[in-house]
Each structure stands twice: as C-alpha cells, then as structure tokens.
Amino acid sequence: NLRLLLNSTENVIPEVSKEEFNKYLKTIDFNLKSFEEEAIANRPDYL
C-alpha cells in the first residue's frame, strides 16, 4: 500500500519519535456539536 501510494519501488522504513506518538495521548473532551461543526466546515465530501 505504501509503495502504491508513494509511487515507489522501494520498501518504506517508518520512523516515529516519542514526541510524535505522545501527541495521541492528550485528552480531548467529547463535544459532538463542536466536532460536527468542524466536520461540516472542513470535510470536502460534506461540502
């Protein structure tokens, strides 16, 4: 999949730093109305 998406013949060796991973651990409160407004404003399939 990666080679197809990158139009490359070589294997990809990913590198993920500790900081890059830790960003997924931050707390985000659930707010459906706010999330829906973001999606309506940004999602190209909705637009």
ModelCIF file with pLDDT and N, C-alpha, C, O atoms, coordinates in Angstrom:
data_MODEL
#
_entry.id   MODEL 
#
_entity.id                         1 
_entity.type                       polymer 
_entity.pdbx_number_of_molecules   1 
#
_entity_poly.entity_id                      1 
_entity_poly.type                           'polypeptide(L)' 
_entity_poly.nstd_linkage                   no 
_entity_poly.nstd_monomer                   no 
_entity_poly.pdbx_seq_one_letter_code       NLRLLLNSTENVIPEVSKEEFNKYLKTIDFNLKSFEEEAIANRPDYL 
_entity_poly.pdbx_seq_one_letter_code_can   NLRLLLNSTENVIPEVSKEEFNKYLKTIDFNLKSFEEEAIANRPDYL 
_entity_poly.pdbx_strand_id                 A 
#
loop_
_entity_poly_seq.entity_id 
_entity_poly_seq.num 
_entity_poly_seq.mon_id 
_entity_poly_seq.hetero 
1 1  ASN n 
1 2  LEU n 
1 3  ARG n 
1 4  LEU n 
1 5  LEU n 
1 6  LEU n 
1 7  ASN n 
1 8  SER n 
1 9  THR n 
1 10 GLU n 
1 11 ASN n 
1 12 VAL n 
1 13 ILE n 
1 14 PRO n 
1 15 GLU n 
1 16 VAL n 
1 17 SER n 
1 18 LYS n 
1 19 GLU n 
1 20 GLU n 
1 21 PHE n 
1 22 ASN n 
1 23 LYS n 
1 24 TYR n 
1 25 LEU n 
1 26 LYS n 
1 27 THR n 
1 28 ILE n 
1 29 ASP n 
1 30 PHE n 
1 31 ASN n 
1 32 LEU n 
1 33 LYS n 
1 34 SER n 
1 35 PHE n 
1 36 GLU n 
1 37 GLU n 
1 38 GLU n 
1 39 ALA n 
1 40 ILE n 
1 41 ALA n 
1 42 ASN n 
1 43 ARG n 
1 44 PRO n 
1 45 ASP n 
1 46 TYR n 
1 47 LEU n 
#
_struct_asym.id          A 
_struct_asym.entity_id   1 
#
loop_
_ma_qa_metric.id 
_ma_qa_metric.mode 
_ma_qa_metric.name 
_ma_qa_metric.software_group_id 
_ma_qa_metric.type 
1 global pLDDT . pLDDT 
2 local  pLDDT . pLDDT 
#
_ma_qa_metric_global.metric_id      1 
_ma_qa_metric_global.metric_value   93.96 
_ma_qa_metric_global.model_id       1 
_ma_qa_metric_global.ordinal_id     1 
#
loop_
_ma_qa_metric_local.label_asym_id 
_ma_qa_metric_local.label_comp_id 
_ma_qa_metric_local.label_seq_id 
_ma_qa_metric_local.metric_id 
_ma_qa_metric_local.metric_value 
_ma_qa_metric_local.model_id 
_ma_qa_metric_local.ordinal_id 
A ASN 1  2 95.00 1 1  
A LEU 2  2 95.00 1 2  
A ARG 3  2 94.00 1 3  
A LEU 4  2 94.00 1 4  
A LEU 5  2 96.00 1 5  
A LEU 6  2 94.00 1 6  
A ASN 7  2 94.00 1 7  
A SER 8  2 91.00 1 8  
A THR 9  2 90.00 1 9  
A GLU 10 2 89.00 1 10 
A ASN 11 2 91.00 1 11 
A VAL 12 2 91.00 1 12 
A ILE 13 2 93.00 1 13 
A PRO 14 2 95.00 1 14 
A GLU 15 2 95.00 1 15 
A VAL 16 2 95.00 1 16 
A SER 17 2 93.00 1 17 
A LYS 18 2 90.00 1 18 
A GLU 19 2 92.00 1 19 
A GLU 20 2 93.00 1 20 
A PHE 21 2 94.00 1 21 
A ASN 22 2 93.00 1 22 
A LYS 23 2 95.00 1 23 
A TYR 24 2 95.00 1 24 
A LEU 25 2 94.00 1 25 
A LYS 26 2 92.00 1 26 
A THR 27 2 91.00 1 27 
A ILE 28 2 93.00 1 28 
A ASP 29 2 93.00 1 29 
A PHE 30 2 94.00 1 30 
A ASN 31 2 95.00 1 31 
A LEU 32 2 94.00 1 32 
A LYS 33 2 94.00 1 33 
A SER 34 2 95.00 1 34 
A PHE 35 2 96.00 1 35 
A GLU 36 2 95.00 1 36 
A GLU 37 2 95.00 1 37 
A GLU 38 2 95.00 1 38 
A ALA 39 2 96.00 1 39 
A ILE 40 2 95.00 1 40 
A ALA 41 2 95.00 1 41 
A ASN 42 2 95.00 1 42 
A ARG 43 2 96.00 1 43 
A PRO 44 2 97.00 1 44 
A ASP 45 2 96.00 1 45 
A TYR 46 2 96.00 1 46 
A LEU 47 2 97.00 1 47 
#
loop_
_atom_site.group_PDB 
_atom_site.id 
_atom_site.type_symbol 
_atom_site.label_atom_id 
_atom_site.label_alt_id 
_atom_site.label_comp_id 
_atom_site.label_asym_id 
_atom_site.label_entity_id 
_atom_site.label_seq_id 
_atom_site.pdbx_PDB_ins_code 
_atom_site.Cartn_x 
_atom_site.Cartn_y 
_atom_site.Cartn_z 
_atom_site.occupancy 
_atom_site.B_iso_or_equiv 
_atom_site.pdbx_formal_charge 
_atom_site.auth_seq_id 
_atom_site.auth_comp_id 
_atom_site.auth_asym_id 
_atom_site.auth_atom_id 
_atom_site.pdbx_PDB_model_num 
ATOM 1   N N  . ASN A 1 1  ? 0.832   -1.211 0.000  1.00 95.00 ? 1  ASN A N  1 
ATOM 2   C CA . ASN A 1 1  ? 0.000   0.000  0.000  1.00 95.00 ? 1  ASN A CA 1 
ATOM 3   C C  . ASN A 1 1  ? 0.865   1.260  0.000  1.00 95.00 ? 1  ASN A C  1 
ATOM 4   O O  . ASN A 1 1  ? 0.590   2.214  -0.728 1.00 95.00 ? 1  ASN A O  1 
ATOM 5   N N  . LEU A 1 2  ? 1.911   1.250  0.823  1.00 95.00 ? 2  LEU A N  1 
ATOM 6   C CA . LEU A 1 2  ? 2.790   2.419  0.897  1.00 95.00 ? 2  LEU A CA 1 
ATOM 7   C C  . LEU A 1 2  ? 3.496   2.661  -0.440 1.00 95.00 ? 2  LEU A C  1 
ATOM 8   O O  . LEU A 1 2  ? 3.567   3.794  -0.915 1.00 95.00 ? 2  LEU A O  1 
ATOM 9   N N  . ARG A 1 3  ? 4.010   1.598  -1.036 1.00 94.00 ? 3  ARG A N  1 
ATOM 10  C CA . ARG A 1 3  ? 4.700   1.768  -2.333 1.00 94.00 ? 3  ARG A CA 1 
ATOM 11  C C  . ARG A 1 3  ? 3.738   2.302  -3.385 1.00 94.00 ? 3  ARG A C  1 
ATOM 12  O O  . ARG A 1 3  ? 4.105   3.149  -4.199 1.00 94.00 ? 3  ARG A O  1 
ATOM 13  N N  . LEU A 1 4  ? 2.496   1.801  -3.363 1.00 94.00 ? 4  LEU A N  1 
ATOM 14  C CA . LEU A 1 4  ? 1.500   2.273  -4.331 1.00 94.00 ? 4  LEU A CA 1 
ATOM 15  C C  . LEU A 1 4  ? 1.160   3.734  -4.093 1.00 94.00 ? 4  LEU A C  1 
ATOM 16  O O  . LEU A 1 4  ? 1.079   4.517  -5.039 1.00 94.00 ? 4  LEU A O  1 
ATOM 17  N N  . LEU A 1 5  ? 0.962   4.104  -2.841 1.00 96.00 ? 5  LEU A N  1 
ATOM 18  C CA . LEU A 1 5  ? 0.603   5.485  -2.522 1.00 96.00 ? 5  LEU A CA 1 
ATOM 19  C C  . LEU A 1 5  ? 1.737   6.452  -2.817 1.00 96.00 ? 5  LEU A C  1 
ATOM 20  O O  . LEU A 1 5  ? 1.500   7.593  -3.214 1.00 96.00 ? 5  LEU A O  1 
ATOM 21  N N  . LEU A 1 6  ? 2.981   5.992  -2.622 1.00 94.00 ? 6  LEU A N  1 
ATOM 22  C CA . LEU A 1 6  ? 4.149   6.855  -2.848 1.00 94.00 ? 6  LEU A CA 1 
ATOM 23  C C  . LEU A 1 6  ? 4.697   6.723  -4.263 1.00 94.00 ? 6  LEU A C  1 
ATOM 24  O O  . LEU A 1 6  ? 5.631   7.429  -4.643 1.00 94.00 ? 6  LEU A O  1 
ATOM 25  N N  . ASN A 1 7  ? 4.106   5.807  -5.046 1.00 94.00 ? 7  ASN A N  1 
ATOM 26  C CA . ASN A 1 7  ? 4.606   5.549  -6.405 1.00 94.00 ? 7  ASN A CA 1 
ATOM 27  C C  . ASN A 1 7  ? 6.104   5.225  -6.355 1.00 94.00 ? 7  ASN A C  1 
ATOM 28  O O  . ASN A 1 7  ? 6.912   5.807  -7.080 1.00 94.00 ? 7  ASN A O  1 
ATOM 29  N N  . SER A 1 8  ? 6.442   4.284  -5.482 1.00 91.00 ? 8  SER A N  1 
ATOM 30  C CA . SER A 1 8  ? 7.843   3.939  -5.244 1.00 91.00 ? 8  SER A CA 1 
ATOM 31  C C  . SER A 1 8  ? 8.024   2.436  -5.387 1.00 91.00 ? 8  SER A C  1 
ATOM 32  O O  . SER A 1 8  ? 7.092   1.666  -5.157 1.00 91.00 ? 8  SER A O  1 
ATOM 33  N N  . THR A 1 9  ? 9.220   2.025  -5.767 1.00 90.00 ? 9  THR A N  1 
ATOM 34  C CA . THR A 1 9  ? 9.541   0.601  -5.890 1.00 90.00 ? 9  THR A CA 1 
ATOM 35  C C  . THR A 1 9  ? 10.287  0.085  -4.667 1.00 90.00 ? 9  THR A C  1 
ATOM 36  O O  . THR A 1 9  ? 10.540  -1.115 -4.563 1.00 90.00 ? 9  THR A O  1 
ATOM 37  N N  . GLU A 1 10 ? 10.641  0.967  -3.744 1.00 89.00 ? 10 GLU A N  1 
ATOM 38  C CA . GLU A 1 10 ? 11.413  0.572  -2.567 1.00 89.00 ? 10 GLU A CA 1 
ATOM 39  C C  . GLU A 1 10 ? 10.519  0.487  -1.340 1.00 89.00 ? 10 GLU A C  1 
ATOM 40  O O  . GLU A 1 10 ? 9.527   1.205  -1.219 1.00 89.00 ? 10 GLU A O  1 
ATOM 41  N N  . ASN A 1 11 ? 10.892  -0.405 -0.434 1.00 91.00 ? 11 ASN A N  1 
ATOM 42  C CA . ASN A 1 11 ? 10.180  -0.501 0.835  1.00 91.00 ? 11 ASN A CA 1 
ATOM 43  C C  . ASN A 1 11 ? 10.409  0.746  1.674  1.00 91.00 ? 11 ASN A C  1 
ATOM 44  O O  . ASN A 1 11 ? 11.461  1.381  1.601  1.00 91.00 ? 11 ASN A O  1 
ATOM 45  N N  . VAL A 1 12 ? 9.414   1.079  2.464  1.00 91.00 ? 12 VAL A N  1 
ATOM 46  C CA . VAL A 1 12 ? 9.487   2.241  3.350  1.00 91.00 ? 12 VAL A CA 1 
ATOM 47  C C  . VAL A 1 12 ? 9.789   1.745  4.758  1.00 91.00 ? 12 VAL A C  1 
ATOM 48  O O  . VAL A 1 12 ? 9.121   0.840  5.258  1.00 91.00 ? 12 VAL A O  1 
ATOM 49  N N  . ILE A 1 13 ? 10.791  2.335  5.393  1.00 93.00 ? 13 ILE A N  1 
ATOM 50  C CA . ILE A 1 13 ? 11.134  2.016  6.786  1.00 93.00 ? 13 ILE A CA 1 
ATOM 51  C C  . ILE A 1 13 ? 10.699  3.205  7.649  1.00 93.00 ? 13 ILE A C  1 
ATOM 52  O O  . ILE A 1 13 ? 11.443  4.178  7.776  1.00 93.00 ? 13 ILE A O  1 
ATOM 53  N N  . PRO A 1 14 ? 9.498   3.137  8.244  1.00 95.00 ? 14 PRO A N  1 
ATOM 54  C CA . PRO A 1 14 ? 8.994   4.289  9.001  1.00 95.00 ? 14 PRO A CA 1 
ATOM 55  C C  . PRO A 1 14 ? 9.780   4.538  10.280 1.00 95.00 ? 14 PRO A C  1 
ATOM 56  O O  . PRO A 1 14 ? 10.335  3.618  10.882 1.00 95.00 ? 14 PRO A O  1 
ATOM 57  N N  . GLU A 1 15 ? 9.814   5.793  10.673 1.00 95.00 ? 15 GLU A N  1 
ATOM 58  C CA . GLU A 1 15 ? 10.445  6.192  11.935 1.00 95.00 ? 15 GLU A CA 1 
ATOM 59  C C  . GLU A 1 15 ? 9.474   7.115  12.678 1.00 95.00 ? 15 GLU A C  1 
ATOM 60  O O  . GLU A 1 15 ? 9.021   8.124  12.138 1.00 95.00 ? 15 GLU A O  1 
ATOM 61  N N  . VAL A 1 16 ? 9.163   6.747  13.930 1.00 95.00 ? 16 VAL A N  1 
ATOM 62  C CA . VAL A 1 16 ? 8.225   7.530  14.740 1.00 95.00 ? 16 VAL A CA 1 
ATOM 63  C C  . VAL A 1 16 ? 8.921   7.907  16.037 1.00 95.00 ? 16 VAL A C  1 
ATOM 64  O O  . VAL A 1 16 ? 9.361   7.041  16.793 1.00 95.00 ? 16 VAL A O  1 
ATOM 65  N N  . SER A 1 17 ? 9.017   9.201  16.285 1.00 93.00 ? 17 SER A N  1 
ATOM 66  C CA . SER A 1 17 ? 9.660   9.660  17.515 1.00 93.00 ? 17 SER A CA 1 
ATOM 67  C C  . SER A 1 17 ? 8.690   9.536  18.692 1.00 93.00 ? 17 SER A C  1 
ATOM 68  O O  . SER A 1 17 ? 7.481   9.393  18.509 1.00 93.00 ? 17 SER A O  1 
ATOM 69  N N  . LYS A 1 18 ? 9.247   9.595  19.894 1.00 90.00 ? 18 LYS A N  1 
ATOM 70  C CA . LYS A 1 18 ? 8.437   9.515  21.106 1.00 90.00 ? 18 LYS A CA 1 
ATOM 71  C C  . LYS A 1 18 ? 7.461   10.685 21.175 1.00 90.00 ? 18 LYS A C  1 
ATOM 72  O O  . LYS A 1 18 ? 6.317   10.525 21.600 1.00 90.00 ? 18 LYS A O  1 
ATOM 73  N N  . GLU A 1 19 ? 7.923   11.868 20.753 1.00 92.00 ? 19 GLU A N  1 
ATOM 74  C CA . GLU A 1 19 ? 7.057   13.055 20.794 1.00 92.00 ? 19 GLU A CA 1 
ATOM 75  C C  . GLU A 1 19 ? 5.880   12.908 19.832 1.00 92.00 ? 19 GLU A C  1 
ATOM 76  O O  . GLU A 1 19 ? 4.757   13.306 20.141 1.00 92.00 ? 19 GLU A O  1 
ATOM 77  N N  . GLU A 1 20 ? 6.157   12.327 18.651 1.00 93.00 ? 20 GLU A N  1 
ATOM 78  C CA . GLU A 1 20 ? 5.085   12.148 17.669 1.00 93.00 ? 20 GLU A CA 1 
ATOM 79  C C  . GLU A 1 20 ? 4.012   11.207 18.191 1.00 93.00 ? 20 GLU A C  1 
ATOM 80  O O  . GLU A 1 20 ? 2.822   11.417 17.956 1.00 93.00 ? 20 GLU A O  1 
ATOM 81  N N  . PHE A 1 21 ? 4.436   10.170 18.900 1.00 94.00 ? 21 PHE A N  1 
ATOM 82  C CA . PHE A 1 21 ? 3.446   9.229  19.438 1.00 94.00 ? 21 PHE A CA 1 
ATOM 83  C C  . PHE A 1 21 ? 2.693   9.828  20.610 1.00 94.00 ? 21 PHE A C  1 
ATOM 84  O O  . PHE A 1 21 ? 1.479   9.655  20.715 1.00 94.00 ? 21 PHE A O  1 
ATOM 85  N N  . ASN A 1 22 ? 3.385   10.525 21.489 1.00 93.00 ? 22 ASN A N  1 
ATOM 86  C CA . ASN A 1 22 ? 2.761   11.042 22.712 1.00 93.00 ? 22 ASN A CA 1 
ATOM 87  C C  . ASN A 1 22 ? 1.652   12.057 22.434 1.00 93.00 ? 22 ASN A C  1 
ATOM 88  O O  . ASN A 1 22 ? 0.803   12.291 23.295 1.00 93.00 ? 22 ASN A O  1 
ATOM 89  N N  . LYS A 1 23 ? 1.648   12.661 21.248 1.00 95.00 ? 23 LYS A N  1 
ATOM 90  C CA . LYS A 1 23 ? 0.595   13.629 20.944 1.00 95.00 ? 23 LYS A CA 1 
ATOM 91  C C  . LYS A 1 23 ? -0.782  12.969 20.910 1.00 95.00 ? 23 LYS A C  1 
ATOM 92  O O  . LYS A 1 23 ? -1.797  13.634 21.117 1.00 95.00 ? 23 LYS A O  1 
ATOM 93  N N  . TYR A 1 24 ? -0.814  11.661 20.648 1.00 95.00 ? 24 TYR A N  1 
ATOM 94  C CA . TYR A 1 24 ? -2.090  10.955 20.610 1.00 95.00 ? 24 TYR A CA 1 
ATOM 95  C C  . TYR A 1 24 ? -2.646  10.672 22.000 1.00 95.00 ? 24 TYR A C  1 
ATOM 96  O O  . TYR A 1 24 ? -3.782  10.218 22.135 1.00 95.00 ? 24 TYR A O  1 
ATOM 97  N N  . LEU A 1 25 ? -1.854  10.935 23.027 1.00 94.00 ? 25 LEU A N  1 
ATOM 98  C CA . LEU A 1 25 ? -2.275  10.656 24.400 1.00 94.00 ? 25 LEU A CA 1 
ATOM 99  C C  . LEU A 1 25 ? -2.945  11.841 25.073 1.00 94.00 ? 25 LEU A C  1 
ATOM 100 O O  . LEU A 1 25 ? -3.464  11.713 26.181 1.00 94.00 ? 25 LEU A O  1 
ATOM 101 N N  . LYS A 1 26 ? -2.938  12.988 24.418 1.00 92.00 ? 26 LYS A N  1 
ATOM 102 C CA . LYS A 1 26 ? -3.542  14.154 25.075 1.00 92.00 ? 26 LYS A CA 1 
ATOM 103 C C  . LYS A 1 26 ? -5.052  13.966 25.196 1.00 92.00 ? 26 LYS A C  1 
ATOM 104 O O  . LYS A 1 26 ? -5.663  13.263 24.391 1.00 92.00 ? 26 LYS A O  1 
ATOM 105 N N  . THR A 1 27 ? -5.634  14.584 26.184 1.00 91.00 ? 27 THR A N  1 
ATOM 106 C CA . THR A 1 27 ? -7.054  14.425 26.474 1.00 91.00 ? 27 THR A CA 1 
ATOM 107 C C  . THR A 1 27 ? -7.881  15.423 25.673 1.00 91.00 ? 27 THR A C  1 
ATOM 108 O O  . THR A 1 27 ? -7.606  16.623 25.664 1.00 91.00 ? 27 THR A O  1 
ATOM 109 N N  . ILE A 1 28 ? -8.901  14.897 25.001 1.00 93.00 ? 28 ILE A N  1 
ATOM 110 C CA . ILE A 1 28 ? -9.840  15.749 24.261 1.00 93.00 ? 28 ILE A CA 1 
ATOM 111 C C  . ILE A 1 28 ? -11.244 15.390 24.726 1.00 93.00 ? 28 ILE A C  1 
ATOM 112 O O  . ILE A 1 28 ? -11.684 14.252 24.566 1.00 93.00 ? 28 ILE A O  1 
ATOM 113 N N  . ASP A 1 29 ? -11.948 16.363 25.301 1.00 93.00 ? 29 ASP A N  1 
ATOM 114 C CA . ASP A 1 29 ? -13.315 16.120 25.771 1.00 93.00 ? 29 ASP A CA 1 
ATOM 115 C C  . ASP A 1 29 ? -14.266 15.960 24.595 1.00 93.00 ? 29 ASP A C  1 
ATOM 116 O O  . ASP A 1 29 ? -14.110 16.608 23.560 1.00 93.00 ? 29 ASP A O  1 
ATOM 117 N N  . PHE A 1 30 ? -15.248 15.092 24.767 1.00 94.00 ? 30 PHE A N  1 
ATOM 118 C CA . PHE A 1 30 ? -16.215 14.842 23.702 1.00 94.00 ? 30 PHE A CA 1 
ATOM 119 C C  . PHE A 1 30 ? -17.229 15.983 23.639 1.00 94.00 ? 30 PHE A C  1 
ATOM 120 O O  . PHE A 1 30 ? -17.891 16.301 24.627 1.00 94.00 ? 30 PHE A O  1 
ATOM 121 N N  . ASN A 1 31 ? -17.333 16.585 22.468 1.00 95.00 ? 31 ASN A N  1 
ATOM 122 C CA . ASN A 1 31 ? -18.296 17.661 22.235 1.00 95.00 ? 31 ASN A CA 1 
ATOM 123 C C  . ASN A 1 31 ? -18.845 17.473 20.825 1.00 95.00 ? 31 ASN A C  1 
ATOM 124 O O  . ASN A 1 31 ? -18.279 17.987 19.860 1.00 95.00 ? 31 ASN A O  1 
ATOM 125 N N  . LEU A 1 32 ? -19.940 16.739 20.708 1.00 94.00 ? 32 LEU A N  1 
ATOM 126 C CA . LEU A 1 32 ? -20.477 16.366 19.401 1.00 94.00 ? 32 LEU A CA 1 
ATOM 127 C C  . LEU A 1 32 ? -20.800 17.578 18.541 1.00 94.00 ? 32 LEU A C  1 
ATOM 128 O O  . LEU A 1 32 ? -20.512 17.589 17.344 1.00 94.00 ? 32 LEU A O  1 
ATOM 129 N N  . LYS A 1 33 ? -21.397 18.596 19.146 1.00 94.00 ? 33 LYS A N  1 
ATOM 130 C CA . LYS A 1 33 ? -21.768 19.784 18.370 1.00 94.00 ? 33 LYS A CA 1 
ATOM 131 C C  . LYS A 1 33 ? -20.537 20.474 17.791 1.00 94.00 ? 33 LYS A C  1 
ATOM 132 O O  . LYS A 1 33 ? -20.525 20.865 16.623 1.00 94.00 ? 33 LYS A O  1 
ATOM 133 N N  . SER A 1 34 ? -19.503 20.620 18.617 1.00 95.00 ? 34 SER A N  1 
ATOM 134 C CA . SER A 1 34 ? -18.275 21.264 18.148 1.00 95.00 ? 34 SER A CA 1 
ATOM 135 C C  . SER A 1 34 ? -17.594 20.439 17.057 1.00 95.00 ? 34 SER A C  1 
ATOM 136 O O  . SER A 1 34 ? -17.142 20.982 16.049 1.00 95.00 ? 34 SER A O  1 
ATOM 137 N N  . PHE A 1 35 ? -17.523 19.117 17.268 1.00 96.00 ? 35 PHE A N  1 
ATOM 138 C CA . PHE A 1 35 ? -16.898 18.242 16.269 1.00 96.00 ? 35 PHE A CA 1 
ATOM 139 C C  . PHE A 1 35 ? -17.682 18.261 14.961 1.00 96.00 ? 35 PHE A C  1 
ATOM 140 O O  . PHE A 1 35 ? -17.104 18.268 13.874 1.00 96.00 ? 35 PHE A O  1 
ATOM 141 N N  . GLU A 1 36 ? -19.016 18.270 15.087 1.00 95.00 ? 36 GLU A N  1 
ATOM 142 C CA . GLU A 1 36 ? -19.852 18.277 13.887 1.00 95.00 ? 36 GLU A CA 1 
ATOM 143 C C  . GLU A 1 36 ? -19.665 19.578 13.110 1.00 95.00 ? 36 GLU A C  1 
ATOM 144 O O  . GLU A 1 36 ? -19.614 19.570 11.880 1.00 95.00 ? 36 GLU A O  1 
ATOM 145 N N  . GLU A 1 37 ? -19.565 20.688 13.828 1.00 95.00 ? 37 GLU A N  1 
ATOM 146 C CA . GLU A 1 37 ? -19.329 21.972 13.158 1.00 95.00 ? 37 GLU A CA 1 
ATOM 147 C C  . GLU A 1 37 ? -17.994 21.976 12.419 1.00 95.00 ? 37 GLU A C  1 
ATOM 148 O O  . GLU A 1 37 ? -17.889 22.504 11.312 1.00 95.00 ? 37 GLU A O  1 
ATOM 149 N N  . GLU A 1 38 ? -16.969 21.379 13.046 1.00 95.00 ? 38 GLU A N  1 
ATOM 150 C CA . GLU A 1 38 ? -15.662 21.272 12.388 1.00 95.00 ? 38 GLU A CA 1 
ATOM 151 C C  . GLU A 1 38 ? -15.764 20.435 11.116 1.00 95.00 ? 38 GLU A C  1 
ATOM 152 O O  . GLU A 1 38 ? -15.220 20.798 10.073 1.00 95.00 ? 38 GLU A O  1 
ATOM 153 N N  . ALA A 1 39 ? -16.475 19.301 11.219 1.00 96.00 ? 39 ALA A N  1 
ATOM 154 C CA . ALA A 1 39 ? -16.601 18.414 10.064 1.00 96.00 ? 39 ALA A CA 1 
ATOM 155 C C  . ALA A 1 39 ? -17.383 19.079 8.934  1.00 96.00 ? 39 ALA A C  1 
ATOM 156 O O  . ALA A 1 39 ? -17.013 18.966 7.765  1.00 96.00 ? 39 ALA A O  1 
ATOM 157 N N  . ILE A 1 40 ? -18.464 19.772 9.287  1.00 95.00 ? 40 ILE A N  1 
ATOM 158 C CA . ILE A 1 40 ? -19.280 20.451 8.277  1.00 95.00 ? 40 ILE A CA 1 
ATOM 159 C C  . ILE A 1 40 ? -18.484 21.548 7.580  1.00 95.00 ? 40 ILE A C  1 
ATOM 160 O O  . ILE A 1 40 ? -18.655 21.789 6.385  1.00 95.00 ? 40 ILE A O  1 
ATOM 161 N N  . ALA A 1 41 ? -17.618 22.204 8.334  1.00 95.00 ? 41 ALA A N  1 
ATOM 162 C CA . ALA A 1 41 ? -16.820 23.295 7.752  1.00 95.00 ? 41 ALA A CA 1 
ATOM 163 C C  . ALA A 1 41 ? -15.641 22.771 6.930  1.00 95.00 ? 41 ALA A C  1 
ATOM 164 O O  . ALA A 1 41 ? -15.188 23.441 6.002  1.00 95.00 ? 41 ALA A O  1 
ATOM 165 N N  . ASN A 1 42 ? -15.137 21.562 7.270  1.00 95.00 ? 42 ASN A N  1 
ATOM 166 C CA . ASN A 1 42 ? -13.870 21.120 6.678  1.00 95.00 ? 42 ASN A CA 1 
ATOM 167 C C  . ASN A 1 42 ? -13.965 19.908 5.750  1.00 95.00 ? 42 ASN A C  1 
ATOM 168 O O  . ASN A 1 42 ? -13.161 19.770 4.829  1.00 95.00 ? 42 ASN A O  1 
ATOM 169 N N  . ARG A 1 43 ? -14.936 19.037 5.986  1.00 96.00 ? 43 ARG A N  1 
ATOM 170 C CA . ARG A 1 43 ? -14.949 17.795 5.207  1.00 96.00 ? 43 ARG A CA 1 
ATOM 171 C C  . ARG A 1 43 ? -15.372 18.063 3.768  1.00 96.00 ? 43 ARG A C  1 
ATOM 172 O O  . ARG A 1 43 ? -16.468 18.571 3.533  1.00 96.00 ? 43 ARG A O  1 
ATOM 173 N N  . PRO A 1 44 ? -14.520 17.731 2.806  1.00 97.00 ? 44 PRO A N  1 
ATOM 174 C CA . PRO A 1 44 ? -14.850 18.010 1.405  1.00 97.00 ? 44 PRO A CA 1 
ATOM 175 C C  . PRO A 1 44 ? -16.025 17.193 0.890  1.00 97.00 ? 44 PRO A C  1 
ATOM 176 O O  . PRO A 1 44 ? -16.737 17.649 -0.004 1.00 97.00 ? 44 PRO A O  1 
ATOM 177 N N  . ASP A 1 45 ? -16.251 15.980 1.439  1.00 96.00 ? 45 ASP A N  1 
ATOM 178 C CA . ASP A 1 45 ? -17.388 15.197 0.956  1.00 96.00 ? 45 ASP A CA 1 
ATOM 179 C C  . ASP A 1 45 ? -18.708 15.812 1.399  1.00 96.00 ? 45 ASP A C  1 
ATOM 180 O O  . ASP A 1 45 ? -19.703 15.723 0.680  1.00 96.00 ? 45 ASP A O  1 
ATOM 181 N N  . TYR A 1 46 ? -18.730 16.443 2.591  1.00 96.00 ? 46 TYR A N  1 
ATOM 182 C CA . TYR A 1 46 ? -19.942 17.153 3.012  1.00 96.00 ? 46 TYR A CA 1 
ATOM 183 C C  . TYR A 1 46 ? -20.135 18.423 2.181  1.00 96.00 ? 46 TYR A C  1 
ATOM 184 O O  . TYR A 1 46 ? -21.245 18.721 1.739  1.00 96.00 ? 46 TYR A O  1 
ATOM 185 N N  . LEU A 1 47 ? -19.058 19.161 1.975  1.00 97.00 ? 47 LEU A N  1 
ATOM 186 C CA . LEU A 1 47 ? -19.142 20.370 1.147  1.00 97.00 ? 47 LEU A CA 1 
ATOM 187 C C  . LEU A 1 47 ? -19.566 20.014 -0.276 1.00 97.00 ? 47 LEU A C  1 
ATOM 188 O O  . LEU A 1 47 ? -19.693 20.899 -1.122 1.00 97.00 ? 47 LEU A O  1 
#
